[in-house]
Amino acid sequence: MKLSECKRCSLSKKRTQVVKPLIIGNIHHVFFMGEAPGCITGDSLINLAFIDRSVYPDGISIKDLIEKNDLFAYSFDIKNQKLVIDKIKRVWKTGRKKVYKVTYEWKYATRQGDYITKQKSIKVTLNHLFLMKRWHNGSDPFKGIKRDNDDNYLSINKGLKIDYALQPFHCSVIGMNNRTQIGAFSTDMINESRFLLEYKINRKLMEDEECHHDNENKIDNSWNNLCLVTKASHARIHMNRMQPMYNKKMKAKHTKVLHSKEYREKLSKIMKGKLRDPLIYANRLKQIQDTNASRSKTVKELFKTPKYYLRYLLGRRHYFGWSINEVLRRYKIKFPDNHKIVSIEYIGIEDVYDIEMEKYHNFAVNGIFVHNSNEDRYGKQFYDSSRNSAGYWHWKIASKLGTEKNCIVMNTVQCRPLNGKKNGKPTSIQIYKCSIWIKKVVDKYNFRLMILYGTFPIQLVLGTSPPIKDVVGRFYKTDYFGKEIVCFAMYHPATLVYDNKKYMPLFDEHIRKVKAYLQK
């Protein structure tokens, strides 16, 4: 049986990527075992689909999503450059790590010609990847990054810098009817409820179909509140609930009165008499003027919304003879659609979390898109060798040992762990059942030493779980895999990312011990 066909434990049921063993060289001195994802802090607001915007206007914090099922989030289809919906496979806590605050801002113009600036921020580890805005030559005041390859993501330790533009996620409540508009570009905002309903029914709405909110709350877009109805039945529903005259008997009686000669003459006499009164006439004019002011205020507010302003320009396109490119040029002057990074600063050590998506492998959070679990993306251990990442320190250790070209690297579990009561950490049963794959590699290849990175490899191979500080820095002999193996326990390389000064002396000492053993 192949590793990709494994169904030994619950991890296989929802995996998107198997993290295969990494075999380097022909003579293998060291077998490294361990994992290392990138993460965001627990207060990050995930822009979920199918939620009540009146309760969660900006999303739900990632730490509150642990142990939740049937969750959907907004993702970005990079190939087709459009907003999509993707299912969340799992959410888990990855530990405590050094985090950095990335602050970004965007602007929009007012009718008076000045700009209003808004800011948001997100706290991430050094190796967490941001989706960069596609670069457009000459079209945006703040340009996205122009890459020579097809990698659309950057992390802080891979060169993310101030002035780089992130791919935005827009979400706003507009209009007097309080409907939510969403989009990955301000030129392509869509009605959220219709977008969600089309995903729910797995097709586009027909011309005579509408999305109805069952509880009448037009920004409650939870799954069960979105109903497919025809336009005619939608009108009847609202008339029935809001218009007492929909009752057939009352409507017939009312119609008869309206059409009677007595009623019309009486109404005309009343109106003529009232409007002859200077005070009533003045109040009527005031009412009209007040309505105009209110309408003007509403229009000014709508002018701040991208979709309304784009429609405004399109409506004047033929009158002024504008081309569609001219319309977009004018539009982008007012809505530059930028989320430019203005600062990156170290915050401290915090609890961090990660998400795995089912198909598109990125998700909207705090108004931008970031990548999900990195091992899930690349399907190999310590994929990220850029400076000050767990991968960087792992390969630094392997280089100091002289084993970077002759080693085996493998995870304790070959699928990313599910969340649950263990907060996303693999359970002892999952570790045990997955150990058959480690045994296959151990049987096939010869090596002198197995290095155990962190808690899970130590628990599996040594069968013990004391405080890790009492175990690291020592050699052990085990026959767990059916043959005698010498092991050495170490802290995970990720510890050097969030506290280099404290742990580097310990790693240097451990490297000296291992190197001396290998030179025997």
Protein backbone atom coordinates (compact mmCIF):
# COMPACT_ATOMS: atom_id res chain seq x y z
CA MET A 1 0.00 0.00 0.00
CA LYS A 2 1.21 3.50 -0.88
CA LEU A 3 1.43 6.27 1.73
CA SER A 4 -1.12 8.31 -0.27
CA GLU A 5 -3.62 5.44 0.06
CA CYS A 6 -3.23 5.07 3.82
CA LYS A 7 -6.48 4.87 5.82
CA ARG A 8 -5.09 3.68 9.13
CA CYS A 9 -6.36 6.61 11.23
CA SER A 10 -8.75 9.57 11.17
CA LEU A 11 -6.07 11.91 9.78
CA SER A 12 -6.38 10.28 6.36
CA LYS A 13 -10.08 11.16 6.00
CA LYS A 14 -9.62 14.91 5.59
CA ARG A 15 -6.05 15.32 4.39
CA THR A 16 -5.18 17.39 1.33
CA GLN A 17 -1.46 16.60 1.21
CA VAL A 18 0.72 13.72 2.40
CA VAL A 19 4.05 14.91 3.81
CA LYS A 20 6.38 12.28 2.36
CA PRO A 21 9.78 11.26 3.78
CA LEU A 22 12.70 13.33 2.47
CA ILE A 23 15.58 11.01 1.49
CA ILE A 24 18.85 12.81 0.65
CA GLY A 25 21.99 11.06 -0.59
CA ASN A 26 22.99 7.40 -0.67
CA ILE A 27 24.73 7.08 2.73
CA HIS A 28 22.45 8.27 5.52
CA HIS A 29 24.19 9.34 8.72
CA VAL A 30 21.20 10.90 10.51
CA PHE A 31 17.41 10.38 10.58
CA PHE A 32 15.66 13.66 11.60
CA MET A 33 12.06 13.50 12.86
CA GLY A 34 9.83 16.57 13.43
CA GLU A 35 7.30 19.14 12.04
CA ALA A 36 7.13 22.96 11.66
CA PRO A 37 4.11 25.04 10.46
CA GLY A 38 3.69 28.84 10.19
CA CYS A 39 0.93 30.57 12.18
CA ILE A 40 -1.21 33.59 13.13
CA THR A 41 -2.36 34.78 16.57
CA GLY A 42 -5.65 33.80 18.18
CA ASP A 43 -7.27 37.25 17.86
CA SER A 44 -7.07 37.18 14.04
CA LEU A 45 -10.58 37.54 12.58
CA ILE A 46 -11.31 34.92 9.94
CA ASN A 47 -13.71 36.19 7.26
CA LEU A 48 -16.10 33.26 7.28
CA ALA A 49 -18.90 32.65 4.82
CA PHE A 50 -22.42 31.84 6.03
CA ILE A 51 -22.34 33.91 9.24
CA ASP A 52 -24.60 36.53 10.79
CA ARG A 53 -22.94 39.87 9.96
CA SER A 54 -25.06 41.63 12.59
CA VAL A 55 -23.24 39.52 15.21
CA TYR A 56 -19.84 39.06 13.52
CA PRO A 57 -19.37 42.08 11.20
CA ASP A 58 -15.62 41.50 10.74
CA GLY A 59 -15.43 37.71 11.15
CA ILE A 60 -14.72 35.29 14.02
CA SER A 61 -11.39 34.93 15.85
CA ILE A 62 -9.41 31.86 14.82
CA LYS A 63 -9.08 30.59 18.41
CA ASP A 64 -12.89 30.34 18.62
CA LEU A 65 -13.03 28.07 15.57
CA ILE A 66 -11.21 25.14 17.18
CA GLU A 67 -13.45 22.05 17.48
CA LYS A 68 -16.05 23.66 15.15
CA ASN A 69 -17.32 21.70 12.15
CA ASP A 70 -18.81 22.59 8.75
CA LEU A 71 -17.07 25.96 8.45
CA PHE A 72 -16.56 27.86 5.20
CA ALA A 73 -14.22 30.79 4.56
CA TYR A 74 -13.56 33.15 1.68
CA SER A 75 -10.55 32.22 -0.45
CA PHE A 76 -8.91 33.64 -3.55
CA ASP A 77 -8.63 31.73 -6.82
CA ILE A 78 -5.21 32.90 -8.01
CA LYS A 79 -5.48 31.34 -11.47
CA ASN A 80 -8.79 33.03 -12.29
CA GLN A 81 -8.23 36.09 -10.07
CA LYS A 82 -11.58 35.91 -8.33
CA LEU A 83 -13.19 35.47 -4.91
CA VAL A 84 -14.34 31.95 -4.04
CA ILE A 85 -15.68 29.97 -1.09
CA ASP A 86 -13.69 27.08 0.37
CA LYS A 87 -14.35 24.64 3.20
CA ILE A 88 -12.13 24.69 6.30
CA LYS A 89 -10.74 21.23 6.97
CA ARG A 90 -9.33 21.94 10.40
CA VAL A 91 -8.11 24.61 12.81
CA TRP A 92 -5.49 23.94 15.45
CA LYS A 93 -3.18 25.60 17.94
CA THR A 94 0.48 25.24 16.99
CA GLY A 95 2.06 26.52 20.22
CA ARG A 96 3.68 29.75 21.44
CA LYS A 97 6.00 31.58 19.08
CA LYS A 98 7.52 34.94 18.28
CA VAL A 99 5.04 37.10 16.38
CA TYR A 100 5.31 40.28 14.32
CA LYS A 101 2.62 42.88 13.70
CA VAL A 102 2.11 43.73 10.04
CA THR A 103 0.10 46.94 9.56
CA TYR A 104 -1.39 47.90 6.18
CA GLU A 105 -3.52 50.81 4.99
CA TRP A 106 -5.79 51.75 2.12
CA LYS A 107 -7.42 54.98 0.93
CA TYR A 108 -10.54 56.22 -0.78
CA ALA A 109 -11.42 59.68 -2.07
CA THR A 110 -14.31 61.87 -0.97
CA ARG A 111 -16.39 64.07 -3.29
CA GLN A 112 -14.49 67.06 -1.89
CA GLY A 113 -11.25 65.69 -3.37
CA ASP A 114 -9.45 64.63 -0.18
CA TYR A 115 -8.59 61.08 0.90
CA ILE A 116 -9.70 59.04 3.91
CA THR A 117 -7.13 56.51 5.14
CA LYS A 118 -7.96 53.30 7.01
CA GLN A 119 -5.65 50.80 8.66
CA LYS A 120 -5.70 47.20 9.83
CA SER A 121 -3.05 44.81 11.12
CA ILE A 122 -2.37 41.14 11.71
CA LYS A 123 0.11 39.34 13.98
CA VAL A 124 1.99 36.44 12.39
CA THR A 125 5.11 34.32 12.73
CA LEU A 126 8.07 35.15 10.51
CA ASN A 127 7.33 32.34 8.08
CA HIS A 128 3.60 32.84 7.54
CA LEU A 129 2.83 33.62 3.91
CA PHE A 130 0.81 36.60 2.65
CA LEU A 131 -0.95 36.60 -0.73
CA MET A 132 0.49 39.51 -2.68
CA LYS A 133 -1.59 41.77 -4.89
CA ARG A 134 -1.00 41.23 -8.58
CA TRP A 135 1.17 43.96 -10.08
CA HIS A 136 -0.54 46.24 -12.63
CA ASN A 137 1.69 48.50 -14.68
CA GLY A 138 0.46 52.09 -14.51
CA SER A 139 -2.99 51.39 -13.07
CA ASP A 140 -2.63 51.53 -9.29
CA PRO A 141 -1.14 54.29 -7.10
CA PHE A 142 0.27 51.54 -4.85
CA LYS A 143 1.54 48.63 -6.92
CA GLY A 144 1.65 44.98 -5.96
CA ILE A 145 4.94 43.13 -6.01
CA LYS A 146 6.26 42.13 -9.43
CA ARG A 147 7.74 38.61 -9.25
CA ASP A 148 9.90 36.87 -11.82
CA ASN A 149 8.38 33.51 -10.91
CA ASP A 150 4.88 32.22 -10.24
CA ASP A 151 5.12 32.35 -6.44
CA ASN A 152 2.31 34.65 -5.31
CA TYR A 153 3.18 34.55 -1.60
CA LEU A 154 5.71 36.28 0.63
CA SER A 155 6.50 35.96 4.33
CA ILE A 156 8.53 38.36 6.47
CA ASN A 157 11.58 36.11 6.37
CA LYS A 158 11.20 35.74 2.59
CA GLY A 159 11.37 39.47 1.93
CA LEU A 160 7.98 41.00 2.76
CA LYS A 161 8.62 44.76 3.05
CA ILE A 162 7.00 48.10 3.75
CA ASP A 163 5.19 49.50 0.66
CA TYR A 164 4.33 46.04 -0.70
CA ALA A 165 0.62 45.64 -1.49
CA LEU A 166 -1.41 42.70 -0.16
CA GLN A 167 -4.39 41.10 -1.90
CA PRO A 168 -7.43 42.64 -0.13
CA PHE A 169 -10.76 41.19 0.90
CA HIS A 170 -13.51 43.83 0.89
CA CYS A 171 -16.67 43.51 2.97
CA SER A 172 -19.08 46.35 3.69
CA VAL A 173 -22.74 46.98 4.53
CA ILE A 174 -24.25 49.55 2.16
CA GLY A 175 -27.54 51.19 1.30
CA MET A 176 -30.69 51.85 3.24
CA ASN A 177 -31.56 48.14 3.02
CA ASN A 178 -28.32 47.14 4.80
CA ARG A 179 -27.08 44.55 2.33
CA THR A 180 -23.52 43.22 2.49
CA GLN A 181 -21.19 43.59 -0.49
CA ILE A 182 -17.98 41.54 -0.77
CA GLY A 183 -15.14 41.24 -3.25
CA ALA A 184 -11.44 40.72 -3.80
CA PHE A 185 -11.35 43.88 -5.94
CA SER A 186 -13.27 47.10 -5.37
CA THR A 187 -14.20 47.05 -9.09
CA ASP A 188 -15.92 43.70 -8.69
CA MET A 189 -18.06 43.88 -5.56
CA ILE A 190 -20.96 41.42 -5.36
CA ASN A 191 -24.04 40.86 -3.22
CA GLU A 192 -22.90 38.49 -0.47
CA SER A 193 -26.22 36.74 0.13
CA ARG A 194 -26.72 35.91 -3.57
CA PHE A 195 -23.10 34.73 -3.84
CA LEU A 196 -23.55 32.43 -0.85
CA LEU A 197 -26.89 31.08 -2.03
CA GLU A 198 -25.40 30.22 -5.43
CA TYR A 199 -22.68 28.25 -3.63
CA LYS A 200 -25.33 26.55 -1.47
CA ILE A 201 -27.46 25.42 -4.43
CA ASN A 202 -24.38 24.82 -6.63
CA ARG A 203 -25.56 26.97 -9.56
CA LYS A 204 -26.19 30.56 -10.63
CA LEU A 205 -29.52 32.17 -9.77
CA MET A 206 -31.97 32.42 -12.67
CA GLU A 207 -33.31 35.80 -13.80
CA ASP A 208 -36.63 35.24 -12.01
CA GLU A 209 -35.05 33.98 -8.74
CA GLU A 210 -34.15 35.82 -5.55
CA CYS A 211 -32.36 35.17 -2.27
CA HIS A 212 -34.71 35.54 0.69
CA HIS A 213 -33.58 35.96 4.31
CA ASP A 214 -35.97 33.85 6.33
CA ASN A 215 -35.72 35.95 9.52
CA GLU A 216 -35.90 39.26 7.57
CA ASN A 217 -32.38 40.20 8.72
CA LYS A 218 -30.65 41.02 5.42
CA ILE A 219 -27.14 40.76 6.85
CA ASP A 220 -27.73 37.41 8.57
CA ASN A 221 -26.20 35.21 5.90
CA SER A 222 -26.08 31.98 7.90
CA TRP A 223 -26.69 28.81 5.91
CA ASN A 224 -30.24 28.07 7.03
CA ASN A 225 -31.37 31.70 6.71
CA LEU A 226 -30.77 31.88 2.95
CA CYS A 227 -33.75 30.60 0.94
CA LEU A 228 -34.23 30.25 -2.82
CA VAL A 229 -37.51 31.84 -4.02
CA THR A 230 -38.91 33.29 -7.22
CA LYS A 231 -39.22 37.04 -7.51
CA ALA A 232 -43.02 36.75 -7.47
CA SER A 233 -43.09 34.59 -4.35
CA HIS A 234 -40.46 36.85 -2.75
CA ALA A 235 -42.75 39.84 -3.26
CA ARG A 236 -45.70 37.91 -1.85
CA ILE A 237 -43.69 36.88 1.23
CA HIS A 238 -42.85 40.48 2.08
CA MET A 239 -46.34 41.73 1.30
CA ASN A 240 -47.80 39.07 3.53
CA ARG A 241 -45.49 39.90 6.41
CA MET A 242 -45.37 43.67 6.06
CA GLN A 243 -48.63 44.65 4.34
CA PRO A 244 -51.92 43.95 6.19
CA MET A 245 -53.80 44.87 3.01
CA TYR A 246 -52.59 41.61 1.45
CA ASN A 247 -55.58 39.99 3.15
CA LYS A 248 -58.05 39.42 0.30
CA LYS A 249 -61.15 40.57 2.17
CA MET A 250 -59.50 43.74 3.50
CA LYS A 251 -57.98 44.48 0.10
CA ALA A 252 -61.36 44.17 -1.66
CA LYS A 253 -63.03 46.44 0.89
CA HIS A 254 -60.20 48.99 0.66
CA THR A 255 -60.28 48.98 -3.16
CA LYS A 256 -64.04 49.57 -3.16
CA VAL A 257 -63.63 52.60 -0.88
CA LEU A 258 -60.76 54.06 -2.96
CA HIS A 259 -62.81 53.89 -6.13
CA SER A 260 -65.94 55.39 -4.64
CA LYS A 261 -66.97 58.90 -5.78
CA GLU A 262 -67.63 60.00 -2.22
CA TYR A 263 -64.09 59.14 -1.11
CA ARG A 264 -62.39 60.97 -4.00
CA GLU A 265 -64.44 64.13 -3.55
CA LYS A 266 -63.84 64.09 0.19
CA LEU A 267 -60.07 63.61 -0.19
CA SER A 268 -59.79 66.37 -2.81
CA LYS A 269 -61.69 68.79 -0.60
CA ILE A 270 -59.48 67.99 2.38
CA MET A 271 -56.23 68.47 0.44
CA LYS A 272 -57.35 71.76 -1.15
CA GLY A 273 -58.42 73.07 2.20
CA LYS A 274 -55.17 72.11 3.89
CA LEU A 275 -52.88 73.55 1.24
CA ARG A 276 -54.72 76.90 1.40
CA ASP A 277 -53.50 77.19 4.97
CA PRO A 278 -50.10 79.03 4.81
CA LEU A 279 -48.77 77.10 7.82
CA ILE A 280 -49.61 73.68 6.37
CA TYR A 281 -48.21 74.69 2.99
CA ALA A 282 -44.98 75.84 4.63
CA ASN A 283 -44.71 72.56 6.55
CA ARG A 284 -45.20 70.64 3.31
CA LEU A 285 -42.37 72.56 1.64
CA LYS A 286 -40.18 71.94 4.68
CA GLN A 287 -40.94 68.25 4.47
CA ILE A 288 -39.82 68.20 0.84
CA GLN A 289 -36.65 70.12 1.69
CA ASP A 290 -35.86 67.78 4.60
CA THR A 291 -36.34 64.79 2.33
CA ASN A 292 -33.95 66.28 -0.22
CA ALA A 293 -31.31 66.78 2.47
CA SER A 294 -31.74 63.22 3.70
CA ARG A 295 -31.54 61.90 0.16
CA SER A 296 -28.42 63.96 -0.50
CA LYS A 297 -26.80 62.57 2.64
CA THR A 298 -27.63 59.03 1.55
CA VAL A 299 -26.13 59.62 -1.90
CA LYS A 300 -22.94 61.06 -0.37
CA GLU A 301 -22.59 57.95 1.79
CA LEU A 302 -23.20 55.70 -1.20
CA PHE A 303 -20.52 57.64 -3.09
CA LYS A 304 -17.99 56.18 -0.63
CA THR A 305 -18.88 52.63 -1.70
CA PRO A 306 -16.98 51.18 -4.68
CA LYS A 307 -19.90 49.49 -6.42
CA TYR A 308 -22.16 52.59 -6.33
CA TYR A 309 -19.41 54.85 -7.66
CA LEU A 310 -18.61 52.41 -10.49
CA ARG A 311 -22.29 52.38 -11.49
CA TYR A 312 -22.29 56.19 -11.32
CA LEU A 313 -19.40 56.35 -13.81
CA LEU A 314 -20.89 53.70 -16.10
CA GLY A 315 -24.16 55.65 -16.17
CA ARG A 316 -22.32 58.70 -17.50
CA ARG A 317 -20.08 56.78 -19.88
CA HIS A 318 -22.18 57.29 -23.03
CA TYR A 319 -23.04 60.93 -22.21
CA PHE A 320 -19.36 61.92 -22.01
CA GLY A 321 -18.13 59.40 -24.58
CA TRP A 322 -15.80 57.59 -22.15
CA SER A 323 -14.25 54.25 -23.05
CA ILE A 324 -14.37 51.47 -20.49
CA ASN A 325 -10.65 52.03 -19.78
CA GLU A 326 -11.39 55.69 -19.03
CA VAL A 327 -14.14 54.62 -16.63
CA LEU A 328 -11.73 52.28 -14.82
CA ARG A 329 -9.02 54.98 -14.76
CA ARG A 330 -11.37 57.46 -13.09
CA TYR A 331 -12.61 54.76 -10.75
CA LYS A 332 -9.10 53.78 -9.60
CA ILE A 333 -8.25 57.40 -8.83
CA LYS A 334 -11.00 57.34 -6.21
CA PHE A 335 -10.57 53.71 -5.13
CA PRO A 336 -6.91 52.72 -5.55
CA ASP A 337 -7.72 49.22 -4.19
CA ASN A 338 -4.43 49.04 -2.31
CA HIS A 339 -3.57 47.43 1.00
CA LYS A 340 -0.07 48.80 1.33
CA ILE A 341 2.15 47.64 4.21
CA VAL A 342 3.17 50.62 6.35
CA SER A 343 4.96 48.90 9.24
CA ILE A 344 6.34 45.55 10.44
CA GLU A 345 7.26 45.33 14.13
CA TYR A 346 8.13 42.62 16.63
CA ILE A 347 5.42 42.16 19.29
CA GLY A 348 6.52 39.26 21.51
CA ILE A 349 5.64 35.63 22.14
CA GLU A 350 1.96 34.63 21.85
CA ASP A 351 -0.26 31.59 21.30
CA VAL A 352 -0.52 30.94 17.57
CA TYR A 353 -2.89 28.96 15.36
CA ASP A 354 -3.19 27.67 11.82
CA ILE A 355 -5.89 26.61 9.35
CA GLU A 356 -5.99 24.04 6.57
CA MET A 357 -8.31 24.75 3.62
CA GLU A 358 -9.77 22.09 1.38
CA LYS A 359 -9.00 23.35 -2.15
CA TYR A 360 -7.55 26.84 -2.59
CA HIS A 361 -5.12 26.82 0.37
CA ASN A 362 -5.57 30.46 1.39
CA PHE A 363 -8.18 32.30 3.44
CA ALA A 364 -9.39 35.83 4.17
CA VAL A 365 -8.39 37.20 7.56
CA ASN A 366 -8.38 40.79 8.85
CA GLY A 367 -9.27 42.08 5.38
CA ILE A 368 -6.45 40.33 3.44
CA PHE A 369 -5.60 36.82 2.21
CA VAL A 370 -2.90 34.61 3.74
CA HIS A 371 -1.79 31.06 3.02
CA ASN A 372 -2.94 28.11 5.10
CA SER A 373 -0.69 25.39 6.58
CA ASN A 374 2.66 25.48 4.77
CA GLU A 375 3.51 21.79 4.98
CA ASP A 376 0.12 21.17 3.43
CA ARG A 377 1.16 23.43 0.54
CA TYR A 378 4.54 21.90 -0.25
CA GLY A 379 4.13 18.33 0.98
CA LYS A 380 7.61 18.20 2.55
CA GLN A 381 9.24 18.88 5.87
CA PHE A 382 11.01 22.15 6.67
CA TYR A 383 10.18 23.45 3.18
CA ASP A 384 11.06 27.02 4.19
CA SER A 385 14.81 27.54 4.37
CA SER A 386 14.66 31.35 4.39
CA ARG A 387 16.39 33.10 7.27
CA ASN A 388 15.11 32.61 10.84
CA SER A 389 12.49 29.98 10.00
CA ALA A 390 12.28 26.49 11.50
CA GLY A 391 13.50 25.14 8.16
CA TYR A 392 16.43 27.54 8.18
CA TRP A 393 17.57 26.36 11.62
CA HIS A 394 17.04 22.68 10.77
CA TRP A 395 19.27 22.89 7.72
CA LYS A 396 21.76 24.97 9.72
CA ILE A 397 21.96 22.14 12.26
CA ALA A 398 22.31 19.55 9.49
CA SER A 399 25.08 21.65 7.90
CA LYS A 400 27.02 21.95 11.18
CA LEU A 401 26.75 18.17 11.56
CA GLY A 402 27.92 17.69 7.97
CA THR A 403 24.80 15.64 7.17
CA GLU A 404 22.78 18.02 4.99
CA LYS A 405 23.59 15.91 1.89
CA ASN A 406 23.25 12.54 3.59
CA CYS A 407 20.17 12.38 5.78
CA ILE A 408 16.53 11.34 6.10
CA VAL A 409 13.83 13.80 7.24
CA MET A 410 10.38 12.56 8.25
CA ASN A 411 7.36 13.66 10.30
CA THR A 412 5.90 11.77 13.23
CA VAL A 413 2.54 11.74 11.43
CA GLN A 414 2.45 11.93 7.65
CA CYS A 415 -0.84 13.91 7.42
CA ARG A 416 -1.44 17.25 9.10
CA PRO A 417 -3.17 16.65 12.48
CA LEU A 418 -6.90 17.19 12.92
CA ASN A 419 -8.18 19.57 15.56
CA GLY A 420 -10.23 18.28 18.48
CA LYS A 421 -9.82 17.89 22.20
CA LYS A 422 -6.05 17.80 21.72
CA ASN A 423 -6.24 21.23 20.12
CA GLY A 424 -4.96 20.05 16.78
CA LYS A 425 -2.01 18.03 18.14
CA PRO A 426 -1.82 14.40 16.94
CA THR A 427 -3.29 11.93 19.41
CA SER A 428 -1.25 9.01 20.75
CA ILE A 429 -3.40 6.64 18.63
CA GLN A 430 -2.72 8.66 15.46
CA ILE A 431 1.02 8.73 16.21
CA TYR A 432 1.05 4.98 16.88
CA LYS A 433 -0.90 4.05 13.75
CA CYS A 434 1.27 6.29 11.57
CA SER A 435 4.47 4.77 12.94
CA ILE A 436 4.16 1.89 10.42
CA TRP A 437 5.42 4.31 7.75
CA ILE A 438 8.41 5.30 9.87
CA LYS A 439 9.18 1.59 10.36
CA LYS A 440 9.12 1.03 6.59
CA VAL A 441 11.77 3.75 6.14
CA VAL A 442 13.80 2.45 9.09
CA ASP A 443 13.76 -1.08 7.59
CA LYS A 444 14.75 0.14 4.11
CA TYR A 445 17.58 2.53 4.99
CA ASN A 446 20.60 2.32 7.27
CA PHE A 447 21.64 5.30 9.41
CA ARG A 448 23.82 5.83 12.46
CA LEU A 449 21.64 8.14 14.55
CA MET A 450 18.00 9.21 14.84
CA ILE A 451 17.51 12.80 16.06
CA LEU A 452 14.16 13.37 17.76
CA TYR A 453 12.91 16.95 17.31
CA GLY A 454 10.47 17.94 20.05
CA THR A 455 7.69 16.31 22.02
CA PHE A 456 5.94 13.97 19.56
CA PRO A 457 8.98 12.05 18.23
CA ILE A 458 10.21 11.66 21.81
CA GLN A 459 6.84 10.29 22.93
CA LEU A 460 6.70 7.86 20.00
CA VAL A 461 10.23 6.45 20.04
CA LEU A 462 11.10 6.64 23.75
CA GLY A 463 7.58 5.91 25.01
CA THR A 464 7.83 8.68 27.61
CA SER A 465 6.38 12.17 28.05
CA PRO A 466 8.19 13.95 30.91
CA PRO A 467 8.98 17.67 30.61
CA ILE A 468 11.03 17.95 27.45
CA LYS A 469 13.81 19.83 29.26
CA ASP A 470 14.51 16.63 31.24
CA VAL A 471 14.94 14.55 28.09
CA VAL A 472 16.85 16.68 25.56
CA GLY A 473 20.63 16.56 25.21
CA ARG A 474 20.95 12.81 25.85
CA PHE A 475 21.52 9.63 23.83
CA TYR A 476 19.09 6.74 24.05
CA LYS A 477 18.98 3.19 22.69
CA THR A 478 15.69 1.71 21.53
CA ASP A 479 14.43 -1.31 19.60
CA TYR A 480 11.01 0.23 19.04
CA PHE A 481 11.16 -0.27 15.25
CA GLY A 482 12.35 -3.87 15.44
CA LYS A 483 16.07 -3.14 15.36
CA GLU A 484 18.42 -1.38 17.74
CA ILE A 485 18.61 2.36 17.08
CA VAL A 486 20.61 5.07 18.80
CA CYS A 487 18.57 8.26 19.32
CA PHE A 488 19.37 11.78 20.46
CA ALA A 489 16.65 14.08 21.81
CA MET A 490 16.68 17.81 20.92
CA TYR A 491 14.38 20.78 21.13
CA HIS A 492 12.51 21.50 17.91
CA PRO A 493 14.37 24.00 15.65
CA ALA A 494 11.34 26.31 15.87
CA THR A 495 12.43 27.21 19.42
CA LEU A 496 15.32 29.15 17.84
CA VAL A 497 12.82 31.26 15.91
CA TYR A 498 11.09 32.66 18.97
CA ASP A 499 13.97 32.65 21.50
CA ASN A 500 17.33 32.42 19.78
CA LYS A 501 19.43 33.84 22.63
CA LYS A 502 18.07 31.42 25.21
CA TYR A 503 18.25 28.20 23.19
CA MET A 504 21.23 28.69 20.86
CA PRO A 505 23.81 27.73 23.54
CA LEU A 506 21.85 24.52 24.20
CA PHE A 507 21.68 23.70 20.48
CA ASP A 508 25.43 24.35 20.11
CA GLU A 509 26.09 21.95 22.99
CA HIS A 510 23.81 19.30 21.48
CA ILE A 511 25.43 19.69 18.05
CA ARG A 512 28.89 19.14 19.61
CA LYS A 513 27.67 15.93 21.26
CA VAL A 514 26.11 14.58 18.08
CA LYS A 515 29.11 15.54 15.96
CA ALA A 516 31.47 13.77 18.38
CA TYR A 517 29.30 10.64 18.21
CA LEU A 518 29.23 10.66 14.39
CA GLN A 519 33.04 11.05 14.23
CA LYS A 520 33.65 7.92 16.30
